[in-house]
Structures are given as C-alpha cells and as structure tokens.
Amino acid sequence: MLGAAAIRASDERLKANIQYYDTLKGIKLYTWDWNEEAKRIGADQYPSMGVIAQKIQKTYPDAVAKGPDGYLMVNYGKLQ
C-alpha cells in the first residue's frame, strides 16, 4: 500500500469514524468513513484506509500538497 504512487485525498476534514488500524514502516494507517463533503467532491472513490494528511505532514512534508479544492492530498509514492 505505501509503495503505490497514487496521490489521494487524505485530509482529516473529509473523514469520519477514524480508527487506528496498523503501523507499516513507521507510518500509522487508519480506516474511516468518508463524510458528506468527501462524497460531494468525489473523494469517496478512493479506499477508506490509509494515512491522515495532517499527521503525515509532520514527518513527510514533501508528500503532502493542497488540492485545488483546498483539501490536503498525500502522494503515497513518497512515503518510503
């Protein structure tokens, strides 16, 4: 999962019911439900498991970018 070169909406503000799942290579993974805003912007097309952009931004700032909608996205390819 962490090796994928996908850039995905990962902003905490788009998620509900966030639950810790596991740690892989020192990176915490979570599961969640997409909230209504995420569904409105189409983020719910992505898996509901992965990282939280705000947490990743602290240790991998180059992997996080602000999308055109103002929400944070994570480049999973840079999490290595």
PDB file of N, CA and C in Angstrom:
ATOM      1  N   MET A   1       0.817  -1.203   0.000  1.00  0.00           N
ATOM      2  CA  MET A   1       0.000   0.000   0.000  1.00  0.00           C
ATOM      3  C   MET A   1       0.855   1.259   0.000  1.00  0.00           C
ATOM      4  N   LEU A   2       1.909   1.300   0.784  1.00  0.00           N
ATOM      5  CA  LEU A   2       2.712   2.513   0.868  1.00  0.00           C
ATOM      6  C   LEU A   2       3.550   2.730  -0.381  1.00  0.00           C
ATOM      7  N   GLY A   3       3.782   1.697  -1.154  1.00  0.00           N
ATOM      8  CA  GLY A   3       4.582   1.836  -2.350  1.00  0.00           C
ATOM      9  C   GLY A   3       3.815   2.381  -3.543  1.00  0.00           C
ATOM     10  N   ALA A   4       2.530   2.468  -3.449  1.00  0.00           N
ATOM     11  CA  ALA A   4       1.717   2.955  -4.562  1.00  0.00           C
ATOM     12  C   ALA A   4       2.029   4.413  -4.843  1.00  0.00           C
ATOM     13  N   ALA A   5       2.107   4.776  -6.106  1.00  0.00           N
ATOM     14  CA  ALA A   5       2.461   6.144  -6.481  1.00  0.00           C
ATOM     15  C   ALA A   5       1.227   7.016  -6.654  1.00  0.00           C
ATOM     16  N   ALA A   6       0.170   6.696  -5.981  1.00  0.00           N
ATOM     17  CA  ALA A   6      -1.074   7.443  -6.114  1.00  0.00           C
ATOM     18  C   ALA A   6      -1.063   8.683  -5.232  1.00  0.00           C
ATOM     19  N   ILE A   7      -1.717   9.713  -5.726  1.00  0.00           N
ATOM     20  CA  ILE A   7      -1.941  10.918  -4.932  1.00  0.00           C
ATOM     21  C   ILE A   7      -3.416  10.919  -4.592  1.00  0.00           C
ATOM     22  N   ARG A   8      -3.714  10.897  -3.299  1.00  0.00           N
ATOM     23  CA  ARG A   8      -5.098  10.725  -2.879  1.00  0.00           C
ATOM     24  C   ARG A   8      -5.516  11.765  -1.854  1.00  0.00           C
ATOM     25  N   ALA A   9      -6.797  12.092  -1.896  1.00  0.00           N
ATOM     26  CA  ALA A   9      -7.375  12.962  -0.876  1.00  0.00           C
ATOM     27  C   ALA A   9      -7.229  12.259   0.466  1.00  0.00           C
ATOM     28  N   SER A  10      -6.558  12.892   1.393  1.00  0.00           N
ATOM     29  CA  SER A  10      -6.289  12.263   2.684  1.00  0.00           C
ATOM     30  C   SER A  10      -6.539  13.205   3.851  1.00  0.00           C
ATOM     31  N   ASP A  11      -7.235  14.285   3.591  1.00  0.00           N
ATOM     32  CA  ASP A  11      -7.478  15.309   4.599  1.00  0.00           C
ATOM     33  C   ASP A  11      -8.410  14.786   5.692  1.00  0.00           C
ATOM     34  N   GLU A  12      -7.987  15.002   6.917  1.00  0.00           N
ATOM     35  CA  GLU A  12      -8.781  14.578   8.073  1.00  0.00           C
ATOM     36  C   GLU A  12     -10.187  15.173   8.056  1.00  0.00           C
ATOM     37  N   ARG A  13     -10.323  16.360   7.480  1.00  0.00           N
ATOM     38  CA  ARG A  13     -11.629  17.032   7.451  1.00  0.00           C
ATOM     39  C   ARG A  13     -12.639  16.329   6.557  1.00  0.00           C
ATOM     40  N   LEU A  14     -12.191  15.360   5.757  1.00  0.00           N
ATOM     41  CA  LEU A  14     -13.083  14.617   4.862  1.00  0.00           C
ATOM     42  C   LEU A  14     -13.484  13.260   5.431  1.00  0.00           C
ATOM     43  N   LYS A  15     -13.045  12.979   6.662  1.00  0.00           N
ATOM     44  CA  LYS A  15     -13.215  11.647   7.229  1.00  0.00           C
ATOM     45  C   LYS A  15     -14.015  11.668   8.521  1.00  0.00           C
ATOM     46  N   ALA A  16     -14.726  10.577   8.758  1.00  0.00           N
ATOM     47  CA  ALA A  16     -15.484  10.390   9.997  1.00  0.00           C
ATOM     48  C   ALA A  16     -15.160   8.999  10.536  1.00  0.00           C
ATOM     49  N   ASN A  17     -15.381   8.806  11.802  1.00  0.00           N
ATOM     50  CA  ASN A  17     -15.165   7.495  12.430  1.00  0.00           C
ATOM     51  C   ASN A  17     -13.749   6.959  12.171  1.00  0.00           C
ATOM     52  N   ILE A  18     -12.764   7.808  12.346  1.00  0.00           N
ATOM     53  CA  ILE A  18     -11.372   7.419  12.104  1.00  0.00           C
ATOM     54  C   ILE A  18     -10.920   6.461  13.202  1.00  0.00           C
ATOM     55  N   GLN A  19     -10.350   5.323  12.774  1.00  0.00           N
ATOM     56  CA  GLN A  19      -9.867   4.310  13.707  1.00  0.00           C
ATOM     57  C   GLN A  19      -8.450   3.900  13.318  1.00  0.00           C
ATOM     58  N   TYR A  20      -7.574   3.815  14.318  1.00  0.00           N
ATOM     59  CA  TYR A  20      -6.215   3.320  14.061  1.00  0.00           C
ATOM     60  C   TYR A  20      -6.322   1.876  13.593  1.00  0.00           C
ATOM     61  N   TYR A  21      -5.521   1.500  12.586  1.00  0.00           N
ATOM     62  CA  TYR A  21      -5.557   0.150  12.038  1.00  0.00           C
ATOM     63  C   TYR A  21      -4.238  -0.597  12.277  1.00  0.00           C
ATOM     64  N   ASP A  22      -3.119   0.006  11.879  1.00  0.00           N
ATOM     65  CA  ASP A  22      -1.835  -0.679  11.965  1.00  0.00           C
ATOM     66  C   ASP A  22      -0.723   0.334  11.703  1.00  0.00           C
ATOM     67  N   THR A  23       0.517  -0.085  11.925  1.00  0.00           N
ATOM     68  CA  THR A  23       1.683   0.724  11.588  1.00  0.00           C
ATOM     69  C   THR A  23       2.533  -0.077  10.614  1.00  0.00           C
ATOM     70  N   LEU A  24       2.896   0.543   9.497  1.00  0.00           N
ATOM     71  CA  LEU A  24       3.700  -0.104   8.472  1.00  0.00           C
ATOM     72  C   LEU A  24       4.894   0.788   8.156  1.00  0.00           C
ATOM     73  N   LYS A  25       6.084   0.273   8.349  1.00  0.00           N
ATOM     74  CA  LYS A  25       7.310   1.035   8.116  1.00  0.00           C
ATOM     75  C   LYS A  25       7.312   2.352   8.884  1.00  0.00           C
ATOM     76  N   GLY A  26       6.761   2.334  10.096  1.00  0.00           N
ATOM     77  CA  GLY A  26       6.734   3.517  10.944  1.00  0.00           C
ATOM     78  C   GLY A  26       5.623   4.498  10.638  1.00  0.00           C
ATOM     79  N   ILE A  27       4.758   4.171   9.696  1.00  0.00           N
ATOM     80  CA  ILE A  27       3.657   5.063   9.300  1.00  0.00           C
ATOM     81  C   ILE A  27       2.340   4.479   9.794  1.00  0.00           C
ATOM     82  N   LYS A  28       1.591   5.272  10.544  1.00  0.00           N
ATOM     83  CA  LYS A  28       0.316   4.808  11.074  1.00  0.00           C
ATOM     84  C   LYS A  28      -0.753   4.818   9.982  1.00  0.00           C
ATOM     85  N   LEU A  29      -1.482   3.715   9.918  1.00  0.00           N
ATOM     86  CA  LEU A  29      -2.582   3.567   8.967  1.00  0.00           C
ATOM     87  C   LEU A  29      -3.901   3.580   9.725  1.00  0.00           C
ATOM     88  N   TYR A  30      -4.914   4.110   9.069  1.00  0.00           N
ATOM     89  CA  TYR A  30      -6.227   4.265   9.687  1.00  0.00           C
ATOM     90  C   TYR A  30      -7.312   3.776   8.725  1.00  0.00           C
ATOM     91  N   THR A  31      -8.463   3.474   9.292  1.00  0.00           N
ATOM     92  CA  THR A  31      -9.665   3.248   8.496  1.00  0.00           C
ATOM     93  C   THR A  31     -10.630   4.371   8.848  1.00  0.00           C
ATOM     94  N   TRP A  32     -11.589   4.628   7.984  1.00  0.00           N
ATOM     95  CA  TRP A  32     -12.545   5.710   8.222  1.00  0.00           C
ATOM     96  C   TRP A  32     -13.749   5.542   7.309  1.00  0.00           C
ATOM     97  N   ASP A  33     -14.729   6.378   7.541  1.00  0.00           N
ATOM     98  CA  ASP A  33     -15.868   6.540   6.636  1.00  0.00           C
ATOM     99  C   ASP A  33     -15.712   7.910   6.008  1.00  0.00           C
ATOM    100  N   TRP A  34     -15.989   8.018   4.727  1.00  0.00           N
ATOM    101  CA  TRP A  34     -15.972   9.334   4.077  1.00  0.00           C
ATOM    102  C   TRP A  34     -17.195  10.115   4.526  1.00  0.00           C
ATOM    103  N   ASN A  35     -17.005  11.390   4.858  1.00  0.00           N
ATOM    104  CA  ASN A  35     -18.144  12.219   5.269  1.00  0.00           C
ATOM    105  C   ASN A  35     -18.854  12.798   4.039  1.00  0.00           C
ATOM    106  N   GLU A  36     -19.875  13.578   4.254  1.00  0.00           N
ATOM    107  CA  GLU A  36     -20.680  14.112   3.144  1.00  0.00           C
ATOM    108  C   GLU A  36     -19.868  15.028   2.227  1.00  0.00           C
ATOM    109  N   GLU A  37     -18.978  15.809   2.796  1.00  0.00           N
ATOM    110  CA  GLU A  37     -18.140  16.692   1.971  1.00  0.00           C
ATOM    111  C   GLU A  37     -17.235  15.861   1.056  1.00  0.00           C
ATOM    112  N   ALA A  38     -16.664  14.786   1.590  1.00  0.00           N
ATOM    113  CA  ALA A  38     -15.814  13.907   0.776  1.00  0.00           C
ATOM    114  C   ALA A  38     -16.618  13.320  -0.389  1.00  0.00           C
ATOM    115  N   LYS A  39     -17.828  12.924  -0.102  1.00  0.00           N
ATOM    116  CA  LYS A  39     -18.686  12.377  -1.162  1.00  0.00           C
ATOM    117  C   LYS A  39     -19.007  13.447  -2.199  1.00  0.00           C
ATOM    118  N   ARG A  40     -19.215  14.673  -1.743  1.00  0.00           N
ATOM    119  CA  ARG A  40     -19.544  15.768  -2.658  1.00  0.00           C
ATOM    120  C   ARG A  40     -18.411  16.033  -3.639  1.00  0.00           C
ATOM    121  N   ILE A  41     -17.152  15.951  -3.166  1.00  0.00           N
ATOM    122  CA  ILE A  41     -16.021  16.247  -4.047  1.00  0.00           C
ATOM    123  C   ILE A  41     -15.464  15.000  -4.734  1.00  0.00           C
ATOM    124  N   GLY A  42     -16.064  13.841  -4.465  1.00  0.00           N
ATOM    125  CA  GLY A  42     -15.646  12.618  -5.140  1.00  0.00           C
ATOM    126  C   GLY A  42     -14.520  11.854  -4.475  1.00  0.00           C
ATOM    127  N   ALA A  43     -14.145  12.235  -3.258  1.00  0.00           N
ATOM    128  CA  ALA A  43     -13.055  11.538  -2.560  1.00  0.00           C
ATOM    129  C   ALA A  43     -13.449  10.114  -2.186  1.00  0.00           C
ATOM    130  N   ASP A  44     -14.738   9.843  -2.130  1.00  0.00           N
ATOM    131  CA  ASP A  44     -15.184   8.509  -1.737  1.00  0.00           C
ATOM    132  C   ASP A  44     -14.918   7.453  -2.811  1.00  0.00           C
ATOM    133  N   GLN A  45     -14.349   7.860  -3.938  1.00  0.00           N
ATOM    134  CA  GLN A  45     -13.943   6.881  -4.949  1.00  0.00           C
ATOM    135  C   GLN A  45     -12.659   6.157  -4.527  1.00  0.00           C
ATOM    136  N   TYR A  46     -11.971   6.685  -3.517  1.00  0.00           N
ATOM    137  CA  TYR A  46     -10.727   6.106  -3.026  1.00  0.00           C
ATOM    138  C   TYR A  46     -11.005   5.164  -1.860  1.00  0.00           C
ATOM    139  N   PRO A  47     -10.062   4.268  -1.571  1.00  0.00           N
ATOM    140  CA  PRO A  47     -10.242   3.357  -0.424  1.00  0.00           C
ATOM    141  C   PRO A  47     -10.409   4.138   0.881  1.00  0.00           C
ATOM    142  N   SER A  48     -11.078   3.522   1.831  1.00  0.00           N
ATOM    143  CA  SER A  48     -11.284   4.171   3.134  1.00  0.00           C
ATOM    144  C   SER A  48     -10.312   3.592   4.162  1.00  0.00           C
ATOM    145  N   MET A  49      -9.082   3.422   3.723  1.00  0.00           N
ATOM    146  CA  MET A  49      -7.986   3.017   4.598  1.00  0.00           C
ATOM    147  C   MET A  49      -6.711   3.659   4.077  1.00  0.00           C
ATOM    148  N   GLY A  50      -5.912   4.160   4.979  1.00  0.00           N
ATOM    149  CA  GLY A  50      -4.665   4.793   4.570  1.00  0.00           C
ATOM    150  C   GLY A  50      -4.155   5.712   5.653  1.00  0.00           C
ATOM    151  N   VAL A  51      -3.598   6.830   5.226  1.00  0.00           N
ATOM    152  CA  VAL A  51      -2.989   7.775   6.163  1.00  0.00           C
ATOM    153  C   VAL A  51      -3.849   9.021   6.308  1.00  0.00           C
ATOM    154  N   ILE A  52      -3.521   9.805   7.301  1.00  0.00           N
ATOM    155  CA  ILE A  52      -4.167  11.095   7.549  1.00  0.00           C
ATOM    156  C   ILE A  52      -3.155  12.175   7.148  1.00  0.00           C
ATOM    157  N   ALA A  53      -3.527  13.027   6.219  1.00  0.00           N
ATOM    158  CA  ALA A  53      -2.600  14.030   5.675  1.00  0.00           C
ATOM    159  C   ALA A  53      -1.991  14.914   6.759  1.00  0.00           C
ATOM    160  N   GLN A  54      -2.789  15.360   7.705  1.00  0.00           N
ATOM    161  CA  GLN A  54      -2.283  16.255   8.743  1.00  0.00           C
ATOM    162  C   GLN A  54      -1.203  15.585   9.594  1.00  0.00           C
ATOM    163  N   LYS A  55      -1.298  14.280   9.788  1.00  0.00           N
ATOM    164  CA  LYS A  55      -0.282  13.557  10.563  1.00  0.00           C
ATOM    165  C   LYS A  55       0.966  13.324   9.710  1.00  0.00           C
ATOM    166  N   ILE A  56       0.786  12.977   8.449  1.00  0.00           N
ATOM    167  CA  ILE A  56       1.902  12.735   7.536  1.00  0.00           C
ATOM    168  C   ILE A  56       2.685  14.026   7.295  1.00  0.00           C
ATOM    169  N   GLN A  57       2.006  15.141   7.273  1.00  0.00           N
ATOM    170  CA  GLN A  57       2.631  16.438   7.005  1.00  0.00           C
ATOM    171  C   GLN A  57       3.747  16.742   8.010  1.00  0.00           C
ATOM    172  N   LYS A  58       3.641  16.220   9.221  1.00  0.00           N
ATOM    173  CA  LYS A  58       4.637  16.479  10.265  1.00  0.00           C
ATOM    174  C   LYS A  58       5.966  15.774   9.983  1.00  0.00           C
ATOM    175  N   THR A  59       5.911  14.579   9.398  1.00  0.00           N
ATOM    176  CA  THR A  59       7.133  13.795   9.186  1.00  0.00           C
ATOM    177  C   THR A  59       7.540  13.670   7.722  1.00  0.00           C
ATOM    178  N   TYR A  60       6.598  13.811   6.813  1.00  0.00           N
ATOM    179  CA  TYR A  60       6.869  13.734   5.374  1.00  0.00           C
ATOM    180  C   TYR A  60       6.237  14.939   4.676  1.00  0.00           C
ATOM    181  N   PRO A  61       6.682  16.153   4.977  1.00  0.00           N
ATOM    182  CA  PRO A  61       6.012  17.336   4.407  1.00  0.00           C
ATOM    183  C   PRO A  61       6.031  17.371   2.883  1.00  0.00           C
ATOM    184  N   ASP A  62       7.032  16.782   2.255  1.00  0.00           N
ATOM    185  CA  ASP A  62       7.091  16.777   0.789  1.00  0.00           C
ATOM    186  C   ASP A  62       6.049  15.859   0.158  1.00  0.00           C
ATOM    187  N   ALA A  63       5.448  14.983   0.957  1.00  0.00           N
ATOM    188  CA  ALA A  63       4.450  14.051   0.441  1.00  0.00           C
ATOM    189  C   ALA A  63       3.037  14.630   0.471  1.00  0.00           C
ATOM    190  N   VAL A  64       2.886  15.818   1.057  1.00  0.00           N
ATOM    191  CA  VAL A  64       1.555  16.408   1.227  1.00  0.00           C
ATOM    192  C   VAL A  64       1.429  17.692   0.405  1.00  0.00           C
ATOM    193  N   ALA A  65       0.306  17.814  -0.281  1.00  0.00           N
ATOM    194  CA  ALA A  65       0.034  19.019  -1.071  1.00  0.00           C
ATOM    195  C   ALA A  65      -1.435  19.381  -0.918  1.00  0.00           C
ATOM    196  N   LYS A  66      -1.713  20.645  -1.131  1.00  0.00           N
ATOM    197  CA  LYS A  66      -3.097  21.110  -1.090  1.00  0.00           C
ATOM    198  C   LYS A  66      -3.685  20.959  -2.486  1.00  0.00           C
ATOM    199  N   GLY A  67      -4.830  20.302  -2.568  1.00  0.00           N
ATOM    200  CA  GLY A  67      -5.504  20.115  -3.844  1.00  0.00           C
ATOM    201  C   GLY A  67      -6.243  21.370  -4.277  1.00  0.00           C
ATOM    202  N   PRO A  68      -6.766  21.389  -5.488  1.00  0.00           N
ATOM    203  CA  PRO A  68      -7.483  22.552  -5.995  1.00  0.00           C
ATOM    204  C   PRO A  68      -8.742  22.880  -5.199  1.00  0.00           C
ATOM    205  N   ASP A  69      -9.252  21.889  -4.466  1.00  0.00           N
ATOM    206  CA  ASP A  69     -10.446  22.097  -3.639  1.00  0.00           C
ATOM    207  C   ASP A  69     -10.097  22.593  -2.238  1.00  0.00           C
ATOM    208  N   GLY A  70      -8.780  22.743  -1.945  1.00  0.00           N
ATOM    209  CA  GLY A  70      -8.341  23.237  -0.643  1.00  0.00           C
ATOM    210  C   GLY A  70      -8.074  22.149   0.379  1.00  0.00           C
ATOM    211  N   TYR A  71      -8.343  20.903   0.034  1.00  0.00           N
ATOM    212  CA  TYR A  71      -8.104  19.794   0.954  1.00  0.00           C
ATOM    213  C   TYR A  71      -6.727  19.187   0.703  1.00  0.00           C
ATOM    214  N   LEU A  72      -6.149  18.622   1.757  1.00  0.00           N
ATOM    215  CA  LEU A  72      -4.818  18.041   1.657  1.00  0.00           C
ATOM    216  C   LEU A  72      -4.854  16.674   0.987  1.00  0.00           C
ATOM    217  N   MET A  73      -3.816  16.438   0.163  1.00  0.00           N
ATOM    218  CA  MET A  73      -3.664  15.174  -0.534  1.00  0.00           C
ATOM    219  C   MET A  73      -2.285  14.614  -0.201  1.00  0.00           C
ATOM    220  N   VAL A  74      -2.152  13.290  -0.236  1.00  0.00           N
ATOM    221  CA  VAL A  74      -0.884  12.641   0.062  1.00  0.00           C
ATOM    222  C   VAL A  74      -0.412  11.875  -1.171  1.00  0.00           C
ATOM    223  N   ASN A  75       0.848  12.066  -1.498  1.00  0.00           N
ATOM    224  CA  ASN A  75       1.499  11.290  -2.547  1.00  0.00           C
ATOM    225  C   ASN A  75       2.066  10.049  -1.867  1.00  0.00           C
ATOM    226  N   TYR A  76       1.373   8.932  -2.002  1.00  0.00           N
ATOM    227  CA  TYR A  76       1.781   7.700  -1.321  1.00  0.00           C
ATOM    228  C   TYR A  76       3.147   7.210  -1.797  1.00  0.00           C
ATOM    229  N   GLY A  77       3.557   7.558  -2.992  1.00  0.00           N
ATOM    230  CA  GLY A  77       4.853   7.154  -3.514  1.00  0.00           C
ATOM    231  C   GLY A  77       6.024   7.754  -2.757  1.00  0.00           C
ATOM    232  N   LYS A  78       5.783   8.846  -2.025  1.00  0.00           N
ATOM    233  CA  LYS A  78       6.847   9.496  -1.259  1.00  0.00           C
ATOM    234  C   LYS A  78       6.927   9.014   0.183  1.00  0.00           C
ATOM    235  N   LEU A  79       6.107   8.065   0.545  1.00  0.00           N
ATOM    236  CA  LEU A  79       6.097   7.549   1.927  1.00  0.00           C
ATOM    237  C   LEU A  79       6.986   6.313   2.017  1.00  0.00           C
ATOM    238  N   GLN A  80       8.267   6.487   1.770  1.00  0.00           N
ATOM    239  CA  GLN A  80       9.165   5.333   1.806  1.00  0.00           C
ATOM    240  C   GLN A  80      10.408   5.642   2.584  1.00  0.00           C
TER     241      GLN A  80
END
